[in-house]
C-alpha atoms as a PDB file:
ATOM      1  CA  UNK A   1      69.929 106.679-125.333  1.00  0.00           C
ATOM      2  CA  UNK A   2      71.007 110.352-125.159  1.00  0.00           C
ATOM      3  CA  UNK A   3      70.917 112.106-121.779  1.00  0.00           C
ATOM      4  CA  UNK A   4      68.563 114.835-120.894  1.00  0.00           C
ATOM      5  CA  UNK A   5      70.714 117.903-120.761  1.00  0.00           C
ATOM      6  CA  UNK A   6      68.418 120.831-121.651  1.00  0.00           C
ATOM      7  CA  UNK A   7      65.146 122.113-120.255  1.00  0.00           C
ATOM      8  CA  UNK A   8      62.623 124.543-121.691  1.00  0.00           C
ATOM      9  CA  UNK A   9      60.624 126.942-119.478  1.00  0.00           C
ATOM     10  CA  UNK A  10      57.782 128.437-121.353  1.00  0.00           C
ATOM     11  CA  UNK A  11      57.449 131.756-119.448  1.00  0.00           C
ATOM     12  CA  UNK A  12      55.820 133.988-122.062  1.00  0.00           C
ATOM     13  CA  UNK A  13      52.200 134.022-120.675  1.00  0.00           C
ATOM     14  CA  UNK A  14      50.515 137.087-119.700  1.00  0.00           C
ATOM     15  CA  UNK A  15      49.342 135.870-116.174  1.00  0.00           C
ATOM     16  CA  UNK A  16      45.861 137.737-116.522  1.00  0.00           C
ATOM     17  CA  UNK A  17      44.520 135.792-113.494  1.00  0.00           C
ATOM     18  CA  UNK A  18      46.894 137.718-111.265  1.00  0.00           C
ATOM     19  CA  UNK A  19      46.136 141.326-112.570  1.00  0.00           C
ATOM     20  CA  UNK A  20      46.893 143.904-111.508  1.00  0.00           C
ATOM     21  CA  UNK A  21      50.125 142.390-109.985  1.00  0.00           C
ATOM     22  CA  UNK A  22      51.208 141.038-113.478  1.00  0.00           C
ATOM     23  CA  UNK A  23      50.635 144.310-115.195  1.00  0.00           C
ATOM     24  CA  UNK A  24      54.328 144.979-114.208  1.00  0.00           C
ATOM     25  CA  UNK A  25      55.556 141.898-112.749  1.00  0.00           C
ATOM     26  CA  UNK A  26      55.813 138.525-114.719  1.00  0.00           C
ATOM     27  CA  UNK A  27      53.650 135.913-113.169  1.00  0.00           C
ATOM     28  CA  UNK A  28      56.782 133.691-113.005  1.00  0.00           C
ATOM     29  CA  UNK A  29      58.376 136.198-110.769  1.00  0.00           C
ATOM     30  CA  UNK A  30      55.627 136.157-108.148  1.00  0.00           C
ATOM     31  CA  UNK A  31      57.213 134.996-104.859  1.00  0.00           C
ATOM     32  CA  UNK A  32      56.520 131.962-102.735  1.00  0.00           C
ATOM     33  CA  UNK A  33      57.625 132.921 -99.368  1.00  0.00           C
ATOM     34  CA  UNK A  34      60.850 134.831-100.665  1.00  0.00           C
ATOM     35  CA  UNK A  35      61.688 133.191-103.975  1.00  0.00           C
ATOM     36  CA  UNK A  36      59.909 133.564-107.309  1.00  0.00           C
ATOM     37  CA  UNK A  37      58.261 130.683-108.883  1.00  0.00           C
ATOM     38  CA  UNK A  38      60.683 130.466-111.698  1.00  0.00           C
ATOM     39  CA  UNK A  39      63.518 129.885-109.206  1.00  0.00           C
ATOM     40  CA  UNK A  40      61.780 126.777-107.767  1.00  0.00           C
ATOM     41  CA  UNK A  41      61.612 125.257-111.188  1.00  0.00           C
ATOM     42  CA  UNK A  42      65.209 126.086-112.108  1.00  0.00           C
ATOM     43  CA  UNK A  43      66.465 124.657-108.821  1.00  0.00           C
ATOM     44  CA  UNK A  44      64.424 121.601-109.571  1.00  0.00           C
ATOM     45  CA  UNK A  45      66.066 121.140-113.046  1.00  0.00           C
ATOM     46  CA  UNK A  46      69.622 121.774-111.599  1.00  0.00           C
ATOM     47  CA  UNK A  47      68.995 118.984-108.997  1.00  0.00           C
ATOM     48  CA  UNK A  48      67.951 116.851-111.933  1.00  0.00           C
ATOM     49  CA  UNK A  49      71.368 117.447-113.760  1.00  0.00           C
ATOM     50  CA  UNK A  50      70.185 119.851-116.421  1.00  0.00           C
ATOM     51  CA  UNK A  51      72.937 121.658-118.001  1.00  0.00           C
ATOM     52  CA  UNK A  52      71.111 124.333-119.967  1.00  0.00           C
ATOM     53  CA  UNK A  53      67.891 126.425-119.203  1.00  0.00           C
ATOM     54  CA  UNK A  54      65.905 127.820-122.097  1.00  0.00           C
ATOM     55  CA  UNK A  55      63.512 130.425-121.165  1.00  0.00           C
ATOM     56  CA  UNK A  56      60.838 130.972-123.933  1.00  0.00           C
ATOM     57  CA  UNK A  57      59.791 134.594-123.047  1.00  0.00           C
ATOM     58  CA  UNK A  58      57.707 137.424-124.587  1.00  0.00           C
ATOM     59  CA  UNK A  59      57.545 141.154-124.483  1.00  0.00           C
ATOM     60  CA  UNK A  60      57.409 142.457-121.011  1.00  0.00           C
ATOM     61  CA  UNK A  61      59.487 139.783-119.511  1.00  0.00           C
ATOM     62  CA  UNK A  62      62.838 141.456-119.131  1.00  0.00           C
ATOM     63  CA  UNK A  63      62.778 141.027-115.415  1.00  0.00           C
ATOM     64  CA  UNK A  64      63.300 137.199-116.012  1.00  0.00           C
ATOM     65  CA  UNK A  65      66.661 137.929-117.741  1.00  0.00           C
ATOM     66  CA  UNK A  66      67.704 140.422-114.966  1.00  0.00           C
ATOM     67  CA  UNK A  67      66.920 138.057-112.239  1.00  0.00           C
ATOM     68  CA  UNK A  68      69.356 135.241-113.290  1.00  0.00           C
ATOM     69  CA  UNK A  69      71.964 137.851-114.104  1.00  0.00           C
ATOM     70  CA  UNK A  70      74.645 139.049-111.826  1.00  0.00           C
ATOM     71  CA  UNK A  71      73.604 142.266-109.880  1.00  0.00           C
ATOM     72  CA  UNK A  72      77.012 143.589-109.667  1.00  0.00           C
ATOM     73  CA  UNK A  73      76.105 146.808-107.833  1.00  0.00           C
ATOM     74  CA  UNK A  74      74.284 144.812-105.305  1.00  0.00           C
ATOM     75  CA  UNK A  75      76.869 142.230-104.758  1.00  0.00           C
ATOM     76  CA  UNK A  76      79.554 145.036-104.259  1.00  0.00           C
ATOM     77  CA  UNK A  77      77.271 146.696-101.694  1.00  0.00           C
ATOM     78  CA  UNK A  78      76.650 143.500 -99.855  1.00  0.00           C
ATOM     79  CA  UNK A  79      80.484 142.648 -99.769  1.00  0.00           C
ATOM     80  CA  UNK A  80      81.238 146.038 -98.605  1.00  0.00           C
ATOM     81  CA  UNK A  81      78.916 145.685 -95.657  1.00  0.00           C
ATOM     82  CA  UNK A  82      80.090 142.182 -94.870  1.00  0.00           C
ATOM     83  CA  UNK A  83      76.575 140.565 -95.472  1.00  0.00           C
ATOM     84  CA  UNK A  84      77.848 137.054 -96.167  1.00  0.00           C
ATOM     85  CA  UNK A  85      74.404 135.424 -95.469  1.00  0.00           C
ATOM     86  CA  UNK A  86      72.734 137.629 -98.069  1.00  0.00           C
ATOM     87  CA  UNK A  87      75.525 136.955-100.674  1.00  0.00           C
ATOM     88  CA  UNK A  88      75.061 133.200-100.213  1.00  0.00           C
ATOM     89  CA  UNK A  89      71.236 133.717-100.941  1.00  0.00           C
ATOM     90  CA  UNK A  90      72.163 135.492-104.253  1.00  0.00           C
ATOM     91  CA  UNK A  91      74.316 132.719-105.441  1.00  0.00           C
ATOM     92  CA  UNK A  92      71.462 130.493-106.520  1.00  0.00           C
ATOM     93  CA  UNK A  93      70.152 133.240-108.742  1.00  0.00           C
ATOM     94  CA  UNK A  94      73.509 133.742-110.645  1.00  0.00           C
ATOM     95  CA  UNK A  95      73.699 130.967-113.225  1.00  0.00           C
ATOM     96  CA  UNK A  96      77.081 130.589-115.083  1.00  0.00           C
ATOM     97  CA  UNK A  97      77.472 132.269-118.428  1.00  0.00           C
ATOM     98  CA  UNK A  98      76.229 130.215-121.288  1.00  0.00           C
ATOM     99  CA  UNK A  99      73.930 128.239-118.995  1.00  0.00           C
ATOM    100  CA  UNK A 100      70.869 130.133-119.815  1.00  0.00           C
ATOM    101  CA  UNK A 101      69.294 130.756-123.315  1.00  0.00           C
ATOM    102  CA  UNK A 102      66.422 133.164-124.141  1.00  0.00           C
ATOM    103  CA  UNK A 103      64.007 132.598-126.964  1.00  0.00           C
ATOM    104  CA  UNK A 104      61.206 134.966-127.933  1.00  0.00           C
ATOM    105  CA  UNK A 105      57.515 133.636-128.539  1.00  0.00           C
ATOM    106  CA  UNK A 106      56.284 136.270-130.770  1.00  0.00           C
ATOM    107  CA  UNK A 107      52.591 135.251-130.450  1.00  0.00           C
ATOM    108  CA  UNK A 108      50.555 133.609-127.778  1.00  0.00           C
ATOM    109  CA  UNK A 109      49.842 130.588-129.896  1.00  0.00           C
ATOM    110  CA  UNK A 110      49.812 127.939-127.119  1.00  0.00           C
ATOM    111  CA  UNK A 111      52.083 125.769-125.076  1.00  0.00           C
ATOM    112  CA  UNK A 112      52.923 123.651-128.005  1.00  0.00           C
ATOM    113  CA  UNK A 113      54.108 126.788-129.957  1.00  0.00           C
ATOM    114  CA  UNK A 114      56.181 128.001-127.109  1.00  0.00           C
ATOM    115  CA  UNK A 115      58.124 124.668-126.973  1.00  0.00           C
ATOM    116  CA  UNK A 116      58.554 124.602-130.620  1.00  0.00           C
ATOM    117  CA  UNK A 117      60.187 128.182-130.526  1.00  0.00           C
ATOM    118  CA  UNK A 118      63.097 126.355-128.602  1.00  0.00           C
ATOM    119  CA  UNK A 119      63.683 123.893-131.412  1.00  0.00           C
ATOM    120  CA  UNK A 120      66.932 125.308-132.752  1.00  0.00           C
ATOM    121  CA  UNK A 121      68.529 125.116-129.265  1.00  0.00           C
ATOM    122  CA  UNK A 122      67.353 121.669-128.352  1.00  0.00           C
ATOM    123  CA  UNK A 123      68.271 120.236-131.775  1.00  0.00           C
ATOM    124  CA  UNK A 124      68.205 116.351-131.987  1.00  0.00           C
ATOM    125  CA  UNK A 125      68.374 115.819-128.202  1.00  0.00           C
ATOM    126  CA  UNK A 126      65.547 114.813-125.673  1.00  0.00           C
ATOM    127  CA  UNK A 127      64.658 117.688-123.561  1.00  0.00           C
ATOM    128  CA  UNK A 128      62.641 118.516-120.465  1.00  0.00           C
ATOM    129  CA  UNK A 129      59.715 120.955-120.147  1.00  0.00           C
ATOM    130  CA  UNK A 130      59.040 122.568-116.888  1.00  0.00           C
ATOM    131  CA  UNK A 131      55.917 124.930-116.253  1.00  0.00           C
ATOM    132  CA  UNK A 132      56.712 127.131-113.419  1.00  0.00           C
ATOM    133  CA  UNK A 133      53.127 127.614-112.496  1.00  0.00           C
ATOM    134  CA  UNK A 134      53.282 123.894-111.147  1.00  0.00           C
ATOM    135  CA  UNK A 135      55.234 124.108-108.154  1.00  0.00           C
ATOM    136  CA  UNK A 136      56.207 120.580-106.923  1.00  0.00           C
ATOM    137  CA  UNK A 137      57.348 120.737-103.310  1.00  0.00           C
ATOM    138  CA  UNK A 138      59.585 117.685-102.291  1.00  0.00           C
ATOM    139  CA  UNK A 139      62.317 115.811-103.915  1.00  0.00           C
ATOM    140  CA  UNK A 140      63.064 117.085-107.422  1.00  0.00           C
ATOM    141  CA  UNK A 141      60.232 115.901-109.558  1.00  0.00           C
ATOM    142  CA  UNK A 142      62.278 116.127-112.702  1.00  0.00           C
ATOM    143  CA  UNK A 143      65.079 114.149-111.048  1.00  0.00           C
ATOM    144  CA  UNK A 144      62.602 111.306-110.610  1.00  0.00           C
ATOM    145  CA  UNK A 145      61.500 111.563-114.253  1.00  0.00           C
ATOM    146  CA  UNK A 146      65.081 111.656-115.391  1.00  0.00           C
ATOM    147  CA  UNK A 147      65.764 108.343-113.389  1.00  0.00           C
ATOM    148  CA  UNK A 148      62.660 106.878-114.904  1.00  0.00           C
ATOM    149  CA  UNK A 149      63.710 108.016-118.407  1.00  0.00           C
ATOM    150  CA  UNK A 150      67.202 106.293-117.878  1.00  0.00           C
ATOM    151  CA  UNK A 151      65.296 103.058-117.151  1.00  0.00           C
ATOM    152  CA  UNK A 152      62.629 103.103-119.949  1.00  0.00           C
ATOM    153  CA  UNK A 153      63.604 105.728-122.385  1.00  0.00           C
ATOM    154  CA  UNK A 154      61.309 107.384-124.703  1.00  0.00           C
ATOM    155  CA  UNK A 155      58.956 109.961-123.232  1.00  0.00           C
ATOM    156  CA  UNK A 156      58.036 110.496-119.641  1.00  0.00           C
ATOM    157  CA  UNK A 157      55.380 112.833-118.255  1.00  0.00           C
ATOM    158  CA  UNK A 158      54.478 113.671-114.662  1.00  0.00           C
ATOM    159  CA  UNK A 159      50.945 112.618-113.597  1.00  0.00           C
ATOM    160  CA  UNK A 160      48.614 112.711-110.815  1.00  0.00           C
ATOM    161  CA  UNK A 161      45.078 111.836-109.876  1.00  0.00           C
ATOM    162  CA  UNK A 162      42.584 114.712-110.060  1.00  0.00           C
ATOM    163  CA  UNK A 163      38.765 114.918-109.284  1.00  0.00           C
ATOM    164  CA  UNK A 164      36.697 113.865-112.213  1.00  0.00           C
ATOM    165  CA  UNK A 165      34.954 117.303-112.254  1.00  0.00           C
ATOM    166  CA  UNK A 166      38.503 118.756-112.919  1.00  0.00           C
ATOM    167  CA  UNK A 167      39.428 116.844-116.103  1.00  0.00           C
ATOM    168  CA  UNK A 168      38.468 119.747-118.336  1.00  0.00           C
ATOM    169  CA  UNK A 169      41.518 121.746-116.872  1.00  0.00           C
ATOM    170  CA  UNK A 170      44.087 118.962-117.797  1.00  0.00           C
ATOM    171  CA  UNK A 171      45.520 116.755-120.456  1.00  0.00           C
ATOM    172  CA  UNK A 172      44.267 113.353-119.372  1.00  0.00           C
ATOM    173  CA  UNK A 173      45.807 109.969-119.963  1.00  0.00           C
ATOM    174  CA  UNK A 174      44.355 106.801-121.364  1.00  0.00           C
ATOM    175  CA  UNK A 175      46.277 104.430-118.962  1.00  0.00           C
ATOM    176  CA  UNK A 176      47.839 100.990-119.830  1.00  0.00           C
ATOM    177  CA  UNK A 177      49.986  98.694-117.910  1.00  0.00           C
ATOM    178  CA  UNK A 178      51.480  99.882-114.505  1.00  0.00           C
ATOM    179  CA  UNK A 179      54.900  99.041-113.184  1.00  0.00           C
ATOM    180  CA  UNK A 180      55.354 100.681-109.687  1.00  0.00           C
ATOM    181  CA  UNK A 181      54.980 104.307-110.026  1.00  0.00           C
ATOM    182  CA  UNK A 182      55.130 104.241-113.800  1.00  0.00           C
ATOM    183  CA  UNK A 183      51.840 103.953-116.123  1.00  0.00           C
ATOM    184  CA  UNK A 184      52.054 103.037-119.762  1.00  0.00           C
ATOM    185  CA  UNK A 185      50.329 105.978-121.666  1.00  0.00           C
ATOM    186  CA  UNK A 186      48.149 104.599-124.368  1.00  0.00           C
ATOM    187  CA  UNK A 187      46.454 107.857-125.242  1.00  0.00           C
ATOM    188  CA  UNK A 188      46.150 111.539-124.301  1.00  0.00           C
ATOM    189  CA  UNK A 189      43.055 113.892-124.493  1.00  0.00           C
ATOM    190  CA  UNK A 190      43.443 117.714-123.979  1.00  0.00           C
ATOM    191  CA  UNK A 191      40.853 119.007-121.514  1.00  0.00           C
ATOM    192  CA  UNK A 192      38.002 116.436-121.867  1.00  0.00           C
ATOM    193  CA  UNK A 193      34.704 116.871-120.224  1.00  0.00           C
ATOM    194  CA  UNK A 194      34.223 114.698-117.215  1.00  0.00           C
ATOM    195  CA  UNK A 195      31.715 112.346-118.842  1.00  0.00           C
ATOM    196  CA  UNK A 196      34.084 111.445-121.600  1.00  0.00           C
ATOM    197  CA  UNK A 197      37.409 111.498-119.914  1.00  0.00           C
ATOM    198  CA  UNK A 198      39.233 108.203-120.368  1.00  0.00           C
ATOM    199  CA  UNK A 199      40.545 108.401-116.729  1.00  0.00           C
ATOM    200  CA  UNK A 200      41.271 110.960-113.874  1.00  0.00           C
ATOM    201  CA  UNK A 201      45.138 110.620-114.453  1.00  0.00           C
ATOM    202  CA  UNK A 202      46.117 114.159-115.351  1.00  0.00           C
ATOM    203  CA  UNK A 203      49.237 115.348-116.910  1.00  0.00           C
ATOM    204  CA  UNK A 204      50.946 118.173-114.772  1.00  0.00           C
ATOM    205  CA  UNK A 205      53.648 120.647-116.001  1.00  0.00           C
ATOM    206  CA  UNK A 206      56.728 118.433-116.211  1.00  0.00           C
ATOM    207  CA  UNK A 207      57.746 116.503-119.375  1.00  0.00           C
ATOM    208  CA  UNK A 208      60.667 114.620-120.822  1.00  0.00           C
ATOM    209  CA  UNK A 209      60.263 114.513-124.645  1.00  0.00           C
ATOM    210  CA  UNK A 210      61.992 113.146-127.776  1.00  0.00           C
ATOM    211  CA  UNK A 211      63.057 115.616-130.435  1.00  0.00           C
ATOM    212  CA  UNK A 212      60.509 114.122-132.957  1.00  0.00           C
ATOM    213  CA  UNK A 213      57.758 116.092-131.148  1.00  0.00           C
ATOM    214  CA  UNK A 214      59.193 119.279-132.623  1.00  0.00           C
ATOM    215  CA  UNK A 215      58.424 118.021-136.159  1.00  0.00           C
ATOM    216  CA  UNK A 216      54.902 117.397-135.257  1.00  0.00           C
ATOM    217  CA  UNK A 217      54.573 120.908-133.575  1.00  0.00           C
ATOM    218  CA  UNK A 218      56.155 122.443-136.754  1.00  0.00           C
ATOM    219  CA  UNK A 219      52.880 121.443-138.621  1.00  0.00           C
ATOM    220  CA  UNK A 220      51.134 124.190-136.572  1.00  0.00           C
ATOM    221  CA  UNK A 221      47.842 122.359-136.161  1.00  0.00           C
ATOM    222  CA  UNK A 222      45.500 124.083-133.790  1.00  0.00           C
ATOM    223  CA  UNK A 223      43.554 122.171-130.995  1.00  0.00           C
ATOM    224  CA  UNK A 224      41.650 123.263-127.856  1.00  0.00           C
ATOM    225  CA  UNK A 225      41.306 126.951-127.553  1.00  0.00           C
ATOM    226  CA  UNK A 226      42.395 127.299-130.994  1.00  0.00           C
ATOM    227  CA  UNK A 227      46.129 126.962-129.799  1.00  0.00           C
ATOM    228  CA  UNK A 228      48.955 124.735-130.781  1.00  0.00           C
ATOM    229  CA  UNK A 229      48.664 122.022-127.986  1.00  0.00           C
ATOM    230  CA  UNK A 230      51.711 120.178-126.705  1.00  0.00           C
ATOM    231  CA  UNK A 231      49.347 117.362-125.614  1.00  0.00           C
ATOM    232  CA  UNK A 232      48.004 116.697-129.086  1.00  0.00           C
ATOM    233  CA  UNK A 233      51.684 116.643-130.552  1.00  0.00           C
ATOM    234  CA  UNK A 234      52.703 114.151-127.760  1.00  0.00           C
ATOM    235  CA  UNK A 235      49.666 111.934-128.535  1.00  0.00           C
ATOM    236  CA  UNK A 236      51.219 111.374-132.169  1.00  0.00           C
ATOM    237  CA  UNK A 237      54.262 109.807-130.436  1.00  0.00           C
ATOM    238  CA  UNK A 238      52.236 107.199-128.623  1.00  0.00           C
ATOM    239  CA  UNK A 239      52.777 103.716-130.168  1.00  0.00           C
ATOM    240  CA  UNK A 240      55.945 104.999-132.008  1.00  0.00           C
ATOM    241  CA  UNK A 241      58.024 105.448-128.930  1.00  0.00           C
ATOM    242  CA  UNK A 242      57.981 104.348-125.366  1.00  0.00           C
ATOM    243  CA  UNK A 243      55.571 106.619-123.200  1.00  0.00           C
ATOM    244  CA  UNK A 244      54.959 106.628-119.706  1.00  0.00           C
ATOM    245  CA  UNK A 245      53.511 108.663-116.935  1.00  0.00           C
ATOM    246  CA  UNK A 246      55.338 109.073-113.613  1.00  0.00           C
ATOM    247  CA  UNK A 247      53.435 109.356-110.308  1.00  0.00           C
ATOM    248  CA  UNK A 248      55.841 111.540-108.541  1.00  0.00           C
ATOM    249  CA  UNK A 249      56.762 111.935-105.021  1.00  0.00           C
ATOM    250  CA  UNK A 250      55.954 115.338-103.679  1.00  0.00           C
ATOM    251  CA  UNK A 251      53.103 117.942-103.457  1.00  0.00           C
ATOM    252  CA  UNK A 252      51.941 119.967-106.413  1.00  0.00           C
ATOM    253  CA  UNK A 253      50.570 123.412-106.035  1.00  0.00           C
ATOM    254  CA  UNK A 254      48.779 125.121-108.954  1.00  0.00           C
ATOM    255  CA  UNK A 255      50.326 128.461-108.580  1.00  0.00           C
ATOM    256  CA  UNK A 256      48.664 129.637-111.789  1.00  0.00           C
ATOM    257  CA  UNK A 257      45.507 129.815-109.632  1.00  0.00           C
ATOM    258  CA  UNK A 258      45.296 132.409-106.837  1.00  0.00           C
ATOM    259  CA  UNK A 259      44.056 129.939-104.199  1.00  0.00           C
ATOM    260  CA  UNK A 260      46.766 127.506-105.357  1.00  0.00           C
ATOM    261  CA  UNK A 261      49.465 130.247-104.922  1.00  0.00           C
ATOM    262  CA  UNK A 262      48.167 131.103-101.454  1.00  0.00           C
ATOM    263  CA  UNK A 263      48.311 127.568-100.275  1.00  0.00           C
ATOM    264  CA  UNK A 264      51.872 127.153-101.651  1.00  0.00           C
ATOM    265  CA  UNK A 265      52.971 130.218 -99.656  1.00  0.00           C
ATOM    266  CA  UNK A 266      51.256 128.822 -96.381  1.00  0.00           C
ATOM    267  CA  UNK A 267      52.582 125.341 -96.875  1.00  0.00           C
ATOM    268  CA  UNK A 268      56.149 126.346 -97.577  1.00  0.00           C
ATOM    269  CA  UNK A 269      56.069 129.010 -94.847  1.00  0.00           C
ATOM    270  CA  UNK A 270      55.025 126.523 -92.297  1.00  0.00           C
ATOM    271  CA  UNK A 271      57.995 124.225 -93.265  1.00  0.00           C
ATOM    272  CA  UNK A 272      60.477 127.055 -92.615  1.00  0.00           C
ATOM    273  CA  UNK A 273      62.288 127.575 -89.431  1.00  0.00           C
ATOM    274  CA  UNK A 274      62.542 131.257 -89.768  1.00  0.00           C
ATOM    275  CA  UNK A 275      58.936 132.191 -90.537  1.00  0.00           C
ATOM    276  CA  UNK A 276      57.084 128.902 -89.764  1.00  0.00           C
ATOM    277  CA  UNK A 277      56.528 129.635 -85.950  1.00  0.00           C
ATOM    278  CA  UNK A 278      55.054 133.052 -86.648  1.00  0.00           C
ATOM    279  CA  UNK A 279      52.742 131.663 -89.400  1.00  0.00           C
ATOM    280  CA  UNK A 280      51.705 128.859 -87.165  1.00  0.00           C
ATOM    281  CA  UNK A 281      50.843 131.073 -84.369  1.00  0.00           C
ATOM    282  CA  UNK A 282      48.839 133.309 -86.604  1.00  0.00           C
ATOM    283  CA  UNK A 283      46.835 130.416 -87.886  1.00  0.00           C
ATOM    284  CA  UNK A 284      46.430 129.127 -84.311  1.00  0.00           C
ATOM    285  CA  UNK A 285      44.858 132.563 -83.452  1.00  0.00           C
ATOM    286  CA  UNK A 286      42.373 132.003 -86.118  1.00  0.00           C
ATOM    287  CA  UNK A 287      41.330 128.738 -84.536  1.00  0.00           C
ATOM    288  CA  UNK A 288      42.509 126.739 -87.508  1.00  0.00           C
ATOM    289  CA  UNK A 289      44.833 123.838 -86.916  1.00  0.00           C
ATOM    290  CA  UNK A 290      47.443 123.367 -89.773  1.00  0.00           C
ATOM    291  CA  UNK A 291      47.468 119.768 -91.109  1.00  0.00           C
ATOM    292  CA  UNK A 292      49.937 117.627 -89.377  1.00  0.00           C
ATOM    293  CA  UNK A 293      50.203 119.811 -86.354  1.00  0.00           C
END
């Protein structure tokens, strides 16, 4: 069984739900407290042992490449001023040469198409896919998935229960046998209406997939929204390869949604020693008690 060494980050989306901010700033660069969404996803991948990050970008996303480069002038200025704490903060944004690859998605044809654009880099190896819009706070979600993959092989996707009225916003699992936090996946349906959804077990933006999915995506078949859907391609692997959903430990924030993004900022700020007390005091002044306090 080949190890999971590479991860794809589909970051070519327009982010229209966050206009006008995303007119000039890629949505993946929107901050949660003081780090962009994409950095949280990259750090999660590093914690899982991923060796190479593959960013599938599009026009107007140059800021992503700049962010993970070495800002030589800024580094020199900080060194000259003896600002060691600030230099340490920058280290996590400076990935080693060769550890990051960039591929252009030249048309907005769906998540499946974005993943397929990275096929020549992933080659014949299994690979991970992380959607930065889904911020998972807690132990590395991908590390939990890699551990599960090393036990059961095949394909592993992160799943969580959602309200039935929300099934139309997710890929939904037809569940089989369960073993602890793993559920056998018998089927996948992209964005089913609540009355026909096979369950309320939803796929979130974390995947470990076998290379055969790229051959299926290459067919270019369109699904929901007239886009090439990754869920549809994954569904064709079921029954041919092991396929499991992992109920992960941690809290997911849908940061592709304005409310979810605000919730993530509040939750992560409250958990910080530097800004938590001030945020907690502000919330207390509103007469709202934060959960758990």
